Amino acid sequence: MSAARRSLLTATAAGTLLGALWFVPSATATSEHPPSSDQQQTASAVDAQSDRQLRLADTGTVDTTPYVIGGSAFLGLGVGFVAYSVRRQRFSEGL
């Protein structure tokens, strides 16, 4: 692969990654809908009772097994590609 084609491929991959990241939502902690007056009164009562208690958002439980398996598979695939390319490079230098 020529150097010009490799640079073009790298630039295309970087542009694609930046384009994909454009659509990742930001991590703001604001609500889309303002709380009702009942929710505000309840929140102020809870705040008065637990000023020093750490309160986190209730996000529920998420089964991370598919993410761990998928990540491990992609990691193994990447290791395989690196090993293959190193082996191929050593074989071509030996000739």
PDB file of N, CA and C in Angstrom:
ATOM      1  N   MET A   1       0.860  -1.173   0.000  1.00  0.00           N
ATOM      2  CA  MET A   1       0.000   0.000   0.000  1.00  0.00           C
ATOM      3  C   MET A   1       0.903   1.232   0.000  1.00  0.00           C
ATOM      4  N   SER A   2       0.634   2.172  -0.877  1.00  0.00           N
ATOM      5  CA  SER A   2       1.474   3.358  -0.967  1.00  0.00           C
ATOM      6  C   SER A   2       1.230   4.292   0.211  1.00  0.00           C
ATOM      7  N   ALA A   3       2.179   5.183   0.431  1.00  0.00           N
ATOM      8  CA  ALA A   3       2.088   6.115   1.558  1.00  0.00           C
ATOM      9  C   ALA A   3       0.908   7.071   1.394  1.00  0.00           C
ATOM     10  N   ALA A   4       0.631   7.482   0.161  1.00  0.00           N
ATOM     11  CA  ALA A   4      -0.485   8.406  -0.069  1.00  0.00           C
ATOM     12  C   ALA A   4      -1.817   7.722   0.218  1.00  0.00           C
ATOM     13  N   ARG A   5      -1.951   6.478  -0.181  1.00  0.00           N
ATOM     14  CA  ARG A   5      -3.189   5.745   0.059  1.00  0.00           C
ATOM     15  C   ARG A   5      -3.369   5.463   1.550  1.00  0.00           C
ATOM     16  N   ARG A   6      -2.276   5.177   2.256  1.00  0.00           N
ATOM     17  CA  ARG A   6      -2.330   4.921   3.694  1.00  0.00           C
ATOM     18  C   ARG A   6      -2.770   6.188   4.438  1.00  0.00           C
ATOM     19  N   SER A   7      -2.256   7.343   4.032  1.00  0.00           N
ATOM     20  CA  SER A   7      -2.652   8.607   4.654  1.00  0.00           C
ATOM     21  C   SER A   7      -4.129   8.901   4.417  1.00  0.00           C
ATOM     22  N   LEU A   8      -4.586   8.625   3.216  1.00  0.00           N
ATOM     23  CA  LEU A   8      -5.991   8.838   2.896  1.00  0.00           C
ATOM     24  C   LEU A   8      -6.882   7.917   3.713  1.00  0.00           C
ATOM     25  N   LEU A   9      -6.457   6.671   3.881  1.00  0.00           N
ATOM     26  CA  LEU A   9      -7.208   5.719   4.685  1.00  0.00           C
ATOM     27  C   LEU A   9      -7.262   6.159   6.154  1.00  0.00           C
ATOM     28  N   THR A  10      -6.139   6.640   6.680  1.00  0.00           N
ATOM     29  CA  THR A  10      -6.099   7.122   8.068  1.00  0.00           C
ATOM     30  C   THR A  10      -7.002   8.337   8.247  1.00  0.00           C
ATOM     31  N   ALA A  11      -6.961   9.257   7.311  1.00  0.00           N
ATOM     32  CA  ALA A  11      -7.805  10.450   7.399  1.00  0.00           C
ATOM     33  C   ALA A  11      -9.280  10.087   7.304  1.00  0.00           C
ATOM     34  N   THR A  12      -9.612   9.132   6.461  1.00  0.00           N
ATOM     35  CA  THR A  12     -10.999   8.697   6.334  1.00  0.00           C
ATOM     36  C   THR A  12     -11.488   8.033   7.619  1.00  0.00           C
ATOM     37  N   ALA A  13     -10.636   7.188   8.206  1.00  0.00           N
ATOM     38  CA  ALA A  13     -11.009   6.532   9.467  1.00  0.00           C
ATOM     39  C   ALA A  13     -11.187   7.556  10.585  1.00  0.00           C
ATOM     40  N   ALA A  14     -10.301   8.540  10.661  1.00  0.00           N
ATOM     41  CA  ALA A  14     -10.413   9.566  11.698  1.00  0.00           C
ATOM     42  C   ALA A  14     -11.667  10.405  11.496  1.00  0.00           C
ATOM     43  N   GLY A  15     -11.965  10.763  10.271  1.00  0.00           N
ATOM     44  CA  GLY A  15     -13.170  11.537   9.985  1.00  0.00           C
ATOM     45  C   GLY A  15     -14.434  10.765  10.303  1.00  0.00           C
ATOM     46  N   THR A  16     -14.431   9.473  10.002  1.00  0.00           N
ATOM     47  CA  THR A  16     -15.581   8.630  10.312  1.00  0.00           C
ATOM     48  C   THR A  16     -15.787   8.535  11.817  1.00  0.00           C
ATOM     49  N   LEU A  17     -14.708   8.374  12.564  1.00  0.00           N
ATOM     50  CA  LEU A  17     -14.803   8.294  14.015  1.00  0.00           C
ATOM     51  C   LEU A  17     -15.321   9.602  14.607  1.00  0.00           C
ATOM     52  N   LEU A  18     -14.810  10.718  14.138  1.00  0.00           N
ATOM     53  CA  LEU A  18     -15.295  12.007  14.637  1.00  0.00           C
ATOM     54  C   LEU A  18     -16.757  12.227  14.269  1.00  0.00           C
ATOM     55  N   GLY A  19     -17.134  11.805  13.076  1.00  0.00           N
ATOM     56  CA  GLY A  19     -18.541  11.920  12.678  1.00  0.00           C
ATOM     57  C   GLY A  19     -19.447  11.075  13.547  1.00  0.00           C
ATOM     58  N   ALA A  20     -18.994   9.882  13.900  1.00  0.00           N
ATOM     59  CA  ALA A  20     -19.796   9.015  14.765  1.00  0.00           C
ATOM     60  C   ALA A  20     -19.891   9.595  16.168  1.00  0.00           C
ATOM     61  N   LEU A  21     -18.809  10.160  16.658  1.00  0.00           N
ATOM     62  CA  LEU A  21     -18.818  10.742  18.006  1.00  0.00           C
ATOM     63  C   LEU A  21     -19.695  11.986  18.096  1.00  0.00           C
ATOM     64  N   TRP A  22     -19.976  12.605  16.966  1.00  0.00           N
ATOM     65  CA  TRP A  22     -20.822  13.789  16.950  1.00  0.00           C
ATOM     66  C   TRP A  22     -22.215  13.461  17.506  1.00  0.00           C
ATOM     67  N   PHE A  23     -22.667  12.220  17.287  1.00  0.00           N
ATOM     68  CA  PHE A  23     -24.015  11.838  17.669  1.00  0.00           C
ATOM     69  C   PHE A  23     -24.100  11.234  19.064  1.00  0.00           C
ATOM     70  N   VAL A  24     -22.987  11.163  19.789  1.00  0.00           N
ATOM     71  CA  VAL A  24     -23.009  10.647  21.154  1.00  0.00           C
ATOM     72  C   VAL A  24     -23.625  11.727  22.042  1.00  0.00           C
ATOM     73  N   PRO A  25     -24.634  11.390  22.826  1.00  0.00           N
ATOM     74  CA  PRO A  25     -25.272  12.415  23.648  1.00  0.00           C
ATOM     75  C   PRO A  25     -24.331  12.935  24.729  1.00  0.00           C
ATOM     76  N   SER A  26     -24.513  14.180  25.095  1.00  0.00           N
ATOM     77  CA  SER A  26     -23.676  14.751  26.142  1.00  0.00           C
ATOM     78  C   SER A  26     -24.143  14.245  27.499  1.00  0.00           C
ATOM     79  N   ALA A  27     -23.290  14.333  28.480  1.00  0.00           N
ATOM     80  CA  ALA A  27     -23.582  13.799  29.808  1.00  0.00           C
ATOM     81  C   ALA A  27     -24.050  14.917  30.742  1.00  0.00           C
ATOM     82  N   THR A  28     -25.073  15.602  30.364  1.00  0.00           N
ATOM     83  CA  THR A  28     -25.605  16.635  31.236  1.00  0.00           C
ATOM     84  C   THR A  28     -26.560  16.016  32.230  1.00  0.00           C
ATOM     85  N   ALA A  29     -26.631  16.598  33.405  1.00  0.00           N
ATOM     86  CA  ALA A  29     -27.469  16.036  34.466  1.00  0.00           C
ATOM     87  C   ALA A  29     -28.775  16.810  34.607  1.00  0.00           C
ATOM     88  N   THR A  30     -29.184  17.494  33.583  1.00  0.00           N
ATOM     89  CA  THR A  30     -30.432  18.240  33.651  1.00  0.00           C
ATOM     90  C   THR A  30     -31.558  17.406  33.073  1.00  0.00           C
ATOM     91  N   SER A  31     -32.738  17.667  33.541  1.00  0.00           N
ATOM     92  CA  SER A  31     -33.904  16.934  33.086  1.00  0.00           C
ATOM     93  C   SER A  31     -34.510  17.634  31.879  1.00  0.00           C
ATOM     94  N   GLU A  32     -35.082  16.840  30.983  1.00  0.00           N
ATOM     95  CA  GLU A  32     -35.745  17.432  29.829  1.00  0.00           C
ATOM     96  C   GLU A  32     -37.053  18.107  30.230  1.00  0.00           C
ATOM     97  N   HIS A  33     -37.685  17.552  31.263  1.00  0.00           N
ATOM     98  CA  HIS A  33     -38.946  18.094  31.736  1.00  0.00           C
ATOM     99  C   HIS A  33     -38.733  18.680  33.127  1.00  0.00           C
ATOM    100  N   PRO A  34     -39.176  19.918  33.344  1.00  0.00           N
ATOM    101  CA  PRO A  34     -39.000  20.497  34.680  1.00  0.00           C
ATOM    102  C   PRO A  34     -39.834  19.730  35.704  1.00  0.00           C
ATOM    103  N   PRO A  35     -39.340  19.602  36.938  1.00  0.00           N
ATOM    104  CA  PRO A  35     -40.087  18.857  37.954  1.00  0.00           C
ATOM    105  C   PRO A  35     -41.357  19.602  38.355  1.00  0.00           C
ATOM    106  N   SER A  36     -42.370  18.827  38.728  1.00  0.00           N
ATOM    107  CA  SER A  36     -43.617  19.439  39.168  1.00  0.00           C
ATOM    108  C   SER A  36     -43.438  19.974  40.585  1.00  0.00           C
ATOM    109  N   SER A  37     -44.410  20.724  41.070  1.00  0.00           N
ATOM    110  CA  SER A  37     -44.306  21.326  42.402  1.00  0.00           C
ATOM    111  C   SER A  37     -44.281  20.246  43.488  1.00  0.00           C
ATOM    112  N   ASP A  38     -45.003  19.116  43.276  1.00  0.00           N
ATOM    113  CA  ASP A  38     -44.977  18.022  44.249  1.00  0.00           C
ATOM    114  C   ASP A  38     -43.580  17.415  44.359  1.00  0.00           C
ATOM    115  N   GLN A  39     -42.939  17.244  43.207  1.00  0.00           N
ATOM    116  CA  GLN A  39     -41.597  16.675  43.208  1.00  0.00           C
ATOM    117  C   GLN A  39     -40.600  17.623  43.864  1.00  0.00           C
ATOM    118  N   GLN A  40     -40.766  18.930  43.669  1.00  0.00           N
ATOM    119  CA  GLN A  40     -39.867  19.902  44.278  1.00  0.00           C
ATOM    120  C   GLN A  40     -40.008  19.888  45.798  1.00  0.00           C
ATOM    121  N   GLN A  41     -41.235  19.782  46.318  1.00  0.00           N
ATOM    122  CA  GLN A  41     -41.447  19.757  47.760  1.00  0.00           C
ATOM    123  C   GLN A  41     -40.842  18.492  48.352  1.00  0.00           C
ATOM    124  N   THR A  42     -41.023  17.354  47.690  1.00  0.00           N
ATOM    125  CA  THR A  42     -40.463  16.101  48.179  1.00  0.00           C
ATOM    126  C   THR A  42     -38.937  16.164  48.163  1.00  0.00           C
ATOM    127  N   ALA A  43     -38.370  16.716  47.105  1.00  0.00           N
ATOM    128  CA  ALA A  43     -36.916  16.815  46.996  1.00  0.00           C
ATOM    129  C   ALA A  43     -36.348  17.723  48.080  1.00  0.00           C
ATOM    130  N   SER A  44     -37.027  18.826  48.391  1.00  0.00           N
ATOM    131  CA  SER A  44     -36.509  19.720  49.420  1.00  0.00           C
ATOM    132  C   SER A  44     -36.583  19.074  50.801  1.00  0.00           C
ATOM    133  N   ALA A  45     -37.602  18.263  51.051  1.00  0.00           N
ATOM    134  CA  ALA A  45     -37.707  17.565  52.329  1.00  0.00           C
ATOM    135  C   ALA A  45     -36.603  16.515  52.458  1.00  0.00           C
ATOM    136  N   VAL A  46     -36.304  15.818  51.377  1.00  0.00           N
ATOM    137  CA  VAL A  46     -35.247  14.815  51.400  1.00  0.00           C
ATOM    138  C   VAL A  46     -33.898  15.496  51.580  1.00  0.00           C
ATOM    139  N   ASP A  47     -33.690  16.645  50.919  1.00  0.00           N
ATOM    140  CA  ASP A  47     -32.431  17.368  51.052  1.00  0.00           C
ATOM    141  C   ASP A  47     -32.207  17.834  52.480  1.00  0.00           C
ATOM    142  N   ALA A  48     -33.256  18.257  53.150  1.00  0.00           N
ATOM    143  CA  ALA A  48     -33.117  18.719  54.527  1.00  0.00           C
ATOM    144  C   ALA A  48     -32.748  17.569  55.461  1.00  0.00           C
ATOM    145  N   GLN A  49     -33.214  16.364  55.151  1.00  0.00           N
ATOM    146  CA  GLN A  49     -32.931  15.220  56.010  1.00  0.00           C
ATOM    147  C   GLN A  49     -31.546  14.634  55.759  1.00  0.00           C
ATOM    148  N   SER A  50     -31.080  14.676  54.555  1.00  0.00           N
ATOM    149  CA  SER A  50     -29.809  14.008  54.232  1.00  0.00           C
ATOM    150  C   SER A  50     -28.874  14.950  53.490  1.00  0.00           C
ATOM    151  N   ASP A  51     -28.408  15.969  54.195  1.00  0.00           N
ATOM    152  CA  ASP A  51     -27.493  16.912  53.564  1.00  0.00           C
ATOM    153  C   ASP A  51     -26.152  16.272  53.239  1.00  0.00           C
ATOM    154  N   ARG A  52     -25.694  15.357  54.076  1.00  0.00           N
ATOM    155  CA  ARG A  52     -24.364  14.771  53.899  1.00  0.00           C
ATOM    156  C   ARG A  52     -24.397  13.404  53.226  1.00  0.00           C
ATOM    157  N   GLN A  53     -25.564  12.907  52.937  1.00  0.00           N
ATOM    158  CA  GLN A  53     -25.671  11.597  52.308  1.00  0.00           C
ATOM    159  C   GLN A  53     -25.499  11.731  50.801  1.00  0.00           C
ATOM    160  N   LEU A  54     -24.689  10.852  50.218  1.00  0.00           N
ATOM    161  CA  LEU A  54     -24.476  10.851  48.779  1.00  0.00           C
ATOM    162  C   LEU A  54     -25.665  10.192  48.098  1.00  0.00           C
ATOM    163  N   ARG A  55     -26.283  10.889  47.172  1.00  0.00           N
ATOM    164  CA  ARG A  55     -27.420  10.336  46.443  1.00  0.00           C
ATOM    165  C   ARG A  55     -27.065  10.249  44.971  1.00  0.00           C
ATOM    166  N   LEU A  56     -27.229   9.077  44.415  1.00  0.00           N
ATOM    167  CA  LEU A  56     -26.953   8.859  43.001  1.00  0.00           C
ATOM    168  C   LEU A  56     -28.257   8.603  42.256  1.00  0.00           C
ATOM    169  N   ALA A  57     -28.213   8.800  40.955  1.00  0.00           N
ATOM    170  CA  ALA A  57     -29.394   8.559  40.138  1.00  0.00           C
ATOM    171  C   ALA A  57     -29.708   7.065  40.109  1.00  0.00           C
ATOM    172  N   ASP A  58     -30.957   6.741  40.126  1.00  0.00           N
ATOM    173  CA  ASP A  58     -31.373   5.335  40.035  1.00  0.00           C
ATOM    174  C   ASP A  58     -31.440   4.969  38.562  1.00  0.00           C
ATOM    175  N   THR A  59     -30.411   4.278  38.096  1.00  0.00           N
ATOM    176  CA  THR A  59     -30.355   3.911  36.679  1.00  0.00           C
ATOM    177  C   THR A  59     -30.802   2.489  36.438  1.00  0.00           C
ATOM    178  N   GLY A  60     -31.072   1.756  37.489  1.00  0.00           N
ATOM    179  CA  GLY A  60     -31.477   0.374  37.317  1.00  0.00           C
ATOM    180  C   GLY A  60     -30.266  -0.519  37.139  1.00  0.00           C
ATOM    181  N   THR A  61     -30.517  -1.780  36.949  1.00  0.00           N
ATOM    182  CA  THR A  61     -29.416  -2.713  36.743  1.00  0.00           C
ATOM    183  C   THR A  61     -29.311  -3.043  35.264  1.00  0.00           C
ATOM    184  N   VAL A  62     -28.089  -3.188  34.817  1.00  0.00           N
ATOM    185  CA  VAL A  62     -27.821  -3.484  33.419  1.00  0.00           C
ATOM    186  C   VAL A  62     -26.994  -4.758  33.365  1.00  0.00           C
ATOM    187  N   ASP A  63     -27.405  -5.682  32.531  1.00  0.00           N
ATOM    188  CA  ASP A  63     -26.649  -6.912  32.345  1.00  0.00           C
ATOM    189  C   ASP A  63     -25.465  -6.610  31.432  1.00  0.00           C
ATOM    190  N   THR A  64     -24.267  -6.626  31.987  1.00  0.00           N
ATOM    191  CA  THR A  64     -23.075  -6.275  31.219  1.00  0.00           C
ATOM    192  C   THR A  64     -22.420  -7.466  30.540  1.00  0.00           C
ATOM    193  N   THR A  65     -22.991  -8.650  30.682  1.00  0.00           N
ATOM    194  CA  THR A  65     -22.389  -9.851  30.100  1.00  0.00           C
ATOM    195  C   THR A  65     -22.166  -9.732  28.589  1.00  0.00           C
ATOM    196  N   PRO A  66     -23.145  -9.263  27.807  1.00  0.00           N
ATOM    197  CA  PRO A  66     -22.894  -9.154  26.359  1.00  0.00           C
ATOM    198  C   PRO A  66     -21.764  -8.182  26.025  1.00  0.00           C
ATOM    199  N   TYR A  67     -21.626  -7.121  26.818  1.00  0.00           N
ATOM    200  CA  TYR A  67     -20.568  -6.149  26.557  1.00  0.00           C
ATOM    201  C   TYR A  67     -19.194  -6.743  26.866  1.00  0.00           C
ATOM    202  N   VAL A  68     -19.109  -7.511  27.943  1.00  0.00           N
ATOM    203  CA  VAL A  68     -17.844  -8.151  28.305  1.00  0.00           C
ATOM    204  C   VAL A  68     -17.459  -9.196  27.255  1.00  0.00           C
ATOM    205  N   ILE A  69     -18.416  -9.993  26.831  1.00  0.00           N
ATOM    206  CA  ILE A  69     -18.141 -11.020  25.821  1.00  0.00           C
ATOM    207  C   ILE A  69     -17.752 -10.373  24.486  1.00  0.00           C
ATOM    208  N   GLY A  70     -18.499  -9.362  24.076  1.00  0.00           N
ATOM    209  CA  GLY A  70     -18.184  -8.674  22.821  1.00  0.00           C
ATOM    210  C   GLY A  70     -16.835  -7.989  22.860  1.00  0.00           C
ATOM    211  N   GLY A  71     -16.535  -7.313  23.978  1.00  0.00           N
ATOM    212  CA  GLY A  71     -15.238  -6.652  24.116  1.00  0.00           C
ATOM    213  C   GLY A  71     -14.095  -7.645  24.090  1.00  0.00           C
ATOM    214  N   SER A  72     -14.281  -8.775  24.765  1.00  0.00           N
ATOM    215  CA  SER A  72     -13.245  -9.819  24.763  1.00  0.00           C
ATOM    216  C   SER A  72     -13.047 -10.390  23.368  1.00  0.00           C
ATOM    217  N   ALA A  73     -14.142 -10.570  22.639  1.00  0.00           N
ATOM    218  CA  ALA A  73     -14.044 -11.097  21.272  1.00  0.00           C
ATOM    219  C   ALA A  73     -13.282 -10.128  20.368  1.00  0.00           C
ATOM    220  N   PHE A  74     -13.599  -8.850  20.462  1.00  0.00           N
ATOM    221  CA  PHE A  74     -12.895  -7.867  19.639  1.00  0.00           C
ATOM    222  C   PHE A  74     -11.428  -7.738  20.048  1.00  0.00           C
ATOM    223  N   LEU A  75     -11.153  -7.848  21.346  1.00  0.00           N
ATOM    224  CA  LEU A  75      -9.770  -7.810  21.799  1.00  0.00           C
ATOM    225  C   LEU A  75      -9.001  -9.002  21.254  1.00  0.00           C
ATOM    226  N   GLY A  76      -9.609 -10.184  21.315  1.00  0.00           N
ATOM    227  CA  GLY A  76      -8.970 -11.375  20.758  1.00  0.00           C
ATOM    228  C   GLY A  76      -8.756 -11.261  19.261  1.00  0.00           C
ATOM    229  N   LEU A  77      -9.721 -10.702  18.564  1.00  0.00           N
ATOM    230  CA  LEU A  77      -9.587 -10.502  17.122  1.00  0.00           C
ATOM    231  C   LEU A  77      -8.437  -9.546  16.810  1.00  0.00           C
ATOM    232  N   GLY A  78      -8.328  -8.479  17.583  1.00  0.00           N
ATOM    233  CA  GLY A  78      -7.226  -7.536  17.388  1.00  0.00           C
ATOM    234  C   GLY A  78      -5.873  -8.166  17.646  1.00  0.00           C
ATOM    235  N   VAL A  79      -5.783  -8.967  18.709  1.00  0.00           N
ATOM    236  CA  VAL A  79      -4.527  -9.670  19.007  1.00  0.00           C
ATOM    237  C   VAL A  79      -4.186 -10.627  17.869  1.00  0.00           C
ATOM    238  N   GLY A  80      -5.189 -11.292  17.337  1.00  0.00           N
ATOM    239  CA  GLY A  80      -4.962 -12.201  16.213  1.00  0.00           C
ATOM    240  C   GLY A  80      -4.437 -11.470  14.989  1.00  0.00           C
ATOM    241  N   PHE A  81      -5.009 -10.316  14.682  1.00  0.00           N
ATOM    242  CA  PHE A  81      -4.529  -9.530  13.539  1.00  0.00           C
ATOM    243  C   PHE A  81      -3.093  -9.066  13.733  1.00  0.00           C
ATOM    244  N   VAL A  82      -2.764  -8.617  14.940  1.00  0.00           N
ATOM    245  CA  VAL A  82      -1.389  -8.170  15.205  1.00  0.00           C
ATOM    246  C   VAL A  82      -0.426  -9.341  15.083  1.00  0.00           C
ATOM    247  N   ALA A  83      -0.773 -10.481  15.661  1.00  0.00           N
ATOM    248  CA  ALA A  83       0.096 -11.653  15.578  1.00  0.00           C
ATOM    249  C   ALA A  83       0.273 -12.095  14.123  1.00  0.00           C
ATOM    250  N   TYR A  84      -0.804 -12.061  13.360  1.00  0.00           N
ATOM    251  CA  TYR A  84      -0.722 -12.450  11.951  1.00  0.00           C
ATOM    252  C   TYR A  84       0.186 -11.495  11.170  1.00  0.00           C
ATOM    253  N   SER A  85       0.053 -10.203  11.418  1.00  0.00           N
ATOM    254  CA  SER A  85       0.865  -9.245  10.671  1.00  0.00           C
ATOM    255  C   SER A  85       2.341  -9.330  11.061  1.00  0.00           C
ATOM    256  N   VAL A  86       2.632  -9.590  12.348  1.00  0.00           N
ATOM    257  CA  VAL A  86       4.028  -9.749  12.765  1.00  0.00           C
ATOM    258  C   VAL A  86       4.610 -10.999  12.131  1.00  0.00           C
ATOM    259  N   ARG A  87       3.844 -12.082  12.123  1.00  0.00           N
ATOM    260  CA  ARG A  87       4.312 -13.330  11.523  1.00  0.00           C
ATOM    261  C   ARG A  87       4.540 -13.151  10.024  1.00  0.00           C
ATOM    262  N   ARG A  88       3.639 -12.464   9.373  1.00  0.00           N
ATOM    263  CA  ARG A  88       3.754 -12.235   7.929  1.00  0.00           C
ATOM    264  C   ARG A  88       4.970 -11.358   7.616  1.00  0.00           C
ATOM    265  N   GLN A  89       5.210 -10.339   8.470  1.00  0.00           N
ATOM    266  CA  GLN A  89       6.356  -9.460   8.244  1.00  0.00           C
ATOM    267  C   GLN A  89       7.667 -10.228   8.435  1.00  0.00           C
ATOM    268  N   ARG A  90       7.740 -11.069   9.458  1.00  0.00           N
ATOM    269  CA  ARG A  90       8.963 -11.841   9.695  1.00  0.00           C
ATOM    270  C   ARG A  90       9.200 -12.851   8.556  1.00  0.00           C
ATOM    271  N   PHE A  91       8.109 -13.424   8.037  1.00  0.00           N
ATOM    272  CA  PHE A  91       8.236 -14.375   6.933  1.00  0.00           C
ATOM    273  C   PHE A  91       8.724 -13.682   5.678  1.00  0.00           C
ATOM    274  N   SER A  92       8.214 -12.464   5.411  1.00  0.00           N
ATOM    275  CA  SER A  92       8.631 -11.763   4.187  1.00  0.00           C
ATOM    276  C   SER A  92      10.064 -11.234   4.299  1.00  0.00           C
ATOM    277  N   GLU A  93      10.534 -10.922   5.499  1.00  0.00           N
ATOM    278  CA  GLU A  93      11.916 -10.468   5.674  1.00  0.00           C
ATOM    279  C   GLU A  93      12.899 -11.629   5.563  1.00  0.00           C
ATOM    280  N   GLY A  94      12.438 -12.821   5.886  1.00  0.00           N
ATOM    281  CA  GLY A  94      13.300 -13.994   5.850  1.00  0.00           C
ATOM    282  C   GLY A  94      13.617 -14.484   4.447  1.00  0.00           C
ATOM    283  N   LEU A  95      12.813 -14.075   3.474  1.00  0.00           N
ATOM    284  CA  LEU A  95      13.045 -14.538   2.099  1.00  0.00           C
ATOM    285  C   LEU A  95      14.139 -13.817   1.432  1.00  0.00           C
TER     286      LEU A  95
END
